[in-house]
Amino acid sequence: MNIQKTAFVVVIAGLAGCTNKQLYQGMMQNRQHACLQELPQDQEACFKRYEMSFEEYQQIRQQAQQQVETAKPEKQ
């Protein structure tokens, strides 16, 4: 899926009042659907790239945010 389609999905979902989890799941479904356009021998690897649950994603995201926060120099 190209960037324009992804942006459109995010905007529409945001206007509809979707939660972050719903947005994440919708984007993952779109990406998984795009895997069907891959060659048959490449589809399995494509699907594996997009099987992370929202909870796993959220945990990784929080860890990354914490690393950024601890790496920031203190303002004086």
N, C-alpha and C. Protein backbone atom coordinates (compact mmCIF):
# COMPACT_ATOMS: atom_id res chain seq x y z
N MET A 1 0.86 -1.17 0.00
CA MET A 1 0.00 0.00 0.00
C MET A 1 0.90 1.22 0.00
N ASN A 2 0.51 2.22 -0.77
CA ASN A 2 1.36 3.40 -0.84
C ASN A 2 1.06 4.36 0.29
N ILE A 3 1.88 5.37 0.41
CA ILE A 3 1.79 6.34 1.51
C ILE A 3 0.47 7.09 1.48
N GLN A 4 0.00 7.46 0.31
CA GLN A 4 -1.25 8.22 0.20
C GLN A 4 -2.43 7.42 0.73
N LYS A 5 -2.49 6.15 0.39
CA LYS A 5 -3.58 5.30 0.88
C LYS A 5 -3.51 5.15 2.39
N THR A 6 -2.30 4.97 2.91
CA THR A 6 -2.13 4.84 4.35
C THR A 6 -2.56 6.10 5.06
N ALA A 7 -2.14 7.24 4.54
CA ALA A 7 -2.52 8.53 5.14
C ALA A 7 -4.03 8.71 5.11
N PHE A 8 -4.65 8.32 4.01
CA PHE A 8 -6.10 8.44 3.88
C PHE A 8 -6.80 7.59 4.93
N VAL A 9 -6.34 6.37 5.11
CA VAL A 9 -6.94 5.47 6.11
C VAL A 9 -6.80 6.07 7.50
N VAL A 10 -5.64 6.61 7.81
CA VAL A 10 -5.41 7.19 9.13
C VAL A 10 -6.32 8.40 9.36
N VAL A 11 -6.45 9.25 8.37
CA VAL A 11 -7.29 10.44 8.50
C VAL A 11 -8.76 10.04 8.68
N ILE A 12 -9.24 9.17 7.84
CA ILE A 12 -10.64 8.74 7.93
C ILE A 12 -10.91 8.06 9.26
N ALA A 13 -10.01 7.19 9.67
CA ALA A 13 -10.20 6.51 10.95
C ALA A 13 -10.18 7.50 12.11
N GLY A 14 -9.31 8.49 12.03
CA GLY A 14 -9.25 9.51 13.07
C GLY A 14 -10.53 10.31 13.14
N LEU A 15 -11.09 10.64 11.99
CA LEU A 15 -12.34 11.38 11.95
C LEU A 15 -13.49 10.54 12.49
N ALA A 16 -13.40 9.25 12.32
CA ALA A 16 -14.45 8.35 12.78
C ALA A 16 -14.33 8.07 14.28
N GLY A 17 -13.30 8.56 14.91
CA GLY A 17 -13.14 8.37 16.35
C GLY A 17 -12.57 7.01 16.74
N CYS A 18 -11.77 6.42 15.88
CA CYS A 18 -11.18 5.12 16.18
C CYS A 18 -10.11 5.26 17.26
N THR A 19 -9.91 4.20 18.00
CA THR A 19 -8.85 4.18 19.00
C THR A 19 -7.53 3.87 18.31
N ASN A 20 -6.44 4.07 19.03
CA ASN A 20 -5.12 3.72 18.49
C ASN A 20 -5.06 2.25 18.10
N LYS A 21 -5.67 1.40 18.93
CA LYS A 21 -5.65 -0.03 18.64
C LYS A 21 -6.40 -0.33 17.34
N GLN A 22 -7.52 0.30 17.14
CA GLN A 22 -8.29 0.09 15.91
C GLN A 22 -7.51 0.59 14.69
N LEU A 23 -6.85 1.73 14.83
CA LEU A 23 -6.03 2.25 13.74
C LEU A 23 -4.90 1.28 13.41
N TYR A 24 -4.23 0.79 14.44
CA TYR A 24 -3.13 -0.14 14.25
C TYR A 24 -3.63 -1.41 13.55
N GLN A 25 -4.73 -1.95 14.03
CA GLN A 25 -5.26 -3.18 13.44
C GLN A 25 -5.68 -2.97 11.99
N GLY A 26 -6.27 -1.83 11.70
CA GLY A 26 -6.67 -1.52 10.33
C GLY A 26 -5.48 -1.42 9.40
N MET A 27 -4.44 -0.75 9.86
CA MET A 27 -3.24 -0.62 9.04
C MET A 27 -2.57 -1.98 8.83
N MET A 28 -2.53 -2.80 9.87
CA MET A 28 -1.93 -4.12 9.73
C MET A 28 -2.73 -4.98 8.75
N GLN A 29 -4.04 -4.89 8.80
CA GLN A 29 -4.86 -5.65 7.87
C GLN A 29 -4.60 -5.20 6.44
N ASN A 30 -4.46 -3.90 6.24
CA ASN A 30 -4.16 -3.40 4.90
C ASN A 30 -2.81 -3.90 4.41
N ARG A 31 -1.84 -3.90 5.31
CA ARG A 31 -0.51 -4.39 4.92
C ARG A 31 -0.53 -5.88 4.63
N GLN A 32 -1.28 -6.64 5.43
CA GLN A 32 -1.39 -8.07 5.19
C GLN A 32 -2.10 -8.34 3.86
N HIS A 33 -3.10 -7.54 3.57
CA HIS A 33 -3.80 -7.70 2.30
C HIS A 33 -2.85 -7.42 1.13
N ALA A 34 -1.97 -6.44 1.31
CA ALA A 34 -0.99 -6.13 0.26
C ALA A 34 -0.04 -7.30 0.03
N CYS A 35 0.15 -8.15 1.03
CA CYS A 35 1.02 -9.31 0.88
C CYS A 35 0.48 -10.26 -0.20
N LEU A 36 -0.81 -10.21 -0.42
CA LEU A 36 -1.41 -11.07 -1.45
C LEU A 36 -0.94 -10.69 -2.85
N GLN A 37 -0.39 -9.48 -2.98
CA GLN A 37 0.12 -9.04 -4.27
C GLN A 37 1.54 -9.54 -4.53
N GLU A 38 2.17 -10.08 -3.49
CA GLU A 38 3.52 -10.61 -3.61
C GLU A 38 3.49 -11.95 -4.36
N LEU A 39 4.64 -12.37 -4.81
CA LEU A 39 4.75 -13.69 -5.41
C LEU A 39 4.44 -14.73 -4.35
N PRO A 40 3.84 -15.86 -4.75
CA PRO A 40 3.45 -16.88 -3.76
C PRO A 40 4.59 -17.28 -2.82
N GLN A 41 5.79 -17.40 -3.33
CA GLN A 41 6.91 -17.81 -2.48
C GLN A 41 7.34 -16.71 -1.50
N ASP A 42 6.91 -15.47 -1.72
CA ASP A 42 7.27 -14.37 -0.84
C ASP A 42 6.16 -13.99 0.14
N GLN A 43 4.97 -14.55 -0.04
CA GLN A 43 3.83 -14.16 0.79
C GLN A 43 4.01 -14.51 2.26
N GLU A 44 4.54 -15.66 2.56
CA GLU A 44 4.69 -16.08 3.96
C GLU A 44 5.61 -15.11 4.72
N ALA A 45 6.73 -14.75 4.11
CA ALA A 45 7.65 -13.81 4.76
C ALA A 45 6.98 -12.45 4.93
N CYS A 46 6.20 -12.05 3.96
CA CYS A 46 5.48 -10.77 4.04
C CYS A 46 4.49 -10.80 5.20
N PHE A 47 3.71 -11.84 5.32
CA PHE A 47 2.74 -11.96 6.42
C PHE A 47 3.44 -11.94 7.78
N LYS A 48 4.60 -12.58 7.88
CA LYS A 48 5.33 -12.62 9.15
C LYS A 48 5.77 -11.23 9.60
N ARG A 49 6.04 -10.35 8.63
CA ARG A 49 6.45 -8.98 8.98
C ARG A 49 5.33 -8.22 9.65
N TYR A 50 4.10 -8.64 9.44
CA TYR A 50 2.94 -7.88 9.93
C TYR A 50 2.07 -8.67 10.91
N GLU A 51 2.68 -9.53 11.71
CA GLU A 51 1.87 -10.30 12.66
C GLU A 51 2.02 -9.83 14.10
N MET A 52 2.72 -8.72 14.33
CA MET A 52 2.89 -8.20 15.69
C MET A 52 1.55 -7.69 16.23
N SER A 53 1.20 -8.10 17.44
CA SER A 53 -0.04 -7.63 18.05
C SER A 53 0.11 -6.18 18.48
N PHE A 54 -1.01 -5.52 18.71
CA PHE A 54 -0.98 -4.13 19.15
C PHE A 54 -0.29 -4.02 20.50
N GLU A 55 -0.52 -4.99 21.36
CA GLU A 55 0.09 -4.96 22.68
C GLU A 55 1.62 -5.05 22.59
N GLU A 56 2.12 -5.92 21.69
CA GLU A 56 3.57 -6.02 21.48
C GLU A 56 4.11 -4.71 20.93
N TYR A 57 3.41 -4.16 19.96
CA TYR A 57 3.81 -2.88 19.36
C TYR A 57 3.88 -1.79 20.43
N GLN A 58 2.86 -1.73 21.26
CA GLN A 58 2.78 -0.70 22.29
C GLN A 58 3.93 -0.84 23.29
N GLN A 59 4.27 -2.06 23.66
CA GLN A 59 5.36 -2.29 24.60
C GLN A 59 6.69 -1.84 23.99
N ILE A 60 6.94 -2.18 22.75
CA ILE A 60 8.17 -1.79 22.08
C ILE A 60 8.24 -0.27 21.94
N ARG A 61 7.11 0.33 21.62
CA ARG A 61 7.04 1.79 21.46
C ARG A 61 7.34 2.49 22.79
N GLN A 62 6.77 1.99 23.88
CA GLN A 62 7.02 2.58 25.19
C GLN A 62 8.48 2.45 25.59
N GLN A 63 9.09 1.31 25.30
CA GLN A 63 10.51 1.12 25.61
C GLN A 63 11.37 2.10 24.83
N ALA A 64 11.04 2.30 23.56
CA ALA A 64 11.79 3.24 22.73
C ALA A 64 11.63 4.67 23.26
N GLN A 65 10.44 5.02 23.67
CA GLN A 65 10.21 6.36 24.22
C GLN A 65 11.00 6.57 25.51
N GLN A 66 11.06 5.55 26.35
CA GLN A 66 11.82 5.65 27.59
C GLN A 66 13.31 5.82 27.30
N GLN A 67 13.81 5.11 26.28
CA GLN A 67 15.22 5.24 25.92
C GLN A 67 15.53 6.65 25.43
N VAL A 68 14.61 7.23 24.66
CA VAL A 68 14.80 8.59 24.17
C VAL A 68 14.79 9.56 25.33
N GLU A 69 13.88 9.36 26.26
CA GLU A 69 13.78 10.26 27.42
C GLU A 69 15.03 10.20 28.28
N THR A 70 15.57 9.01 28.50
CA THR A 70 16.75 8.89 29.34
C THR A 70 18.01 9.36 28.62
N ALA A 71 18.00 9.39 27.31
CA ALA A 71 19.16 9.83 26.54
C ALA A 71 19.20 11.34 26.36
N LYS A 72 18.10 12.03 26.62
CA LYS A 72 18.05 13.48 26.47
C LYS A 72 18.90 14.15 27.55
N PRO A 73 19.71 15.12 27.15
CA PRO A 73 20.48 15.85 28.17
C PRO A 73 19.53 16.75 28.98
N GLU A 74 19.86 16.93 30.23
CA GLU A 74 19.03 17.78 31.09
C GLU A 74 19.18 19.23 30.69
N LYS A 75 18.08 19.96 30.68
CA LYS A 75 18.10 21.39 30.34
C LYS A 75 18.51 22.18 31.58
N GLN A 76 19.34 23.18 31.35
CA GLN A 76 19.77 24.03 32.46
C GLN A 76 19.45 25.47 32.18
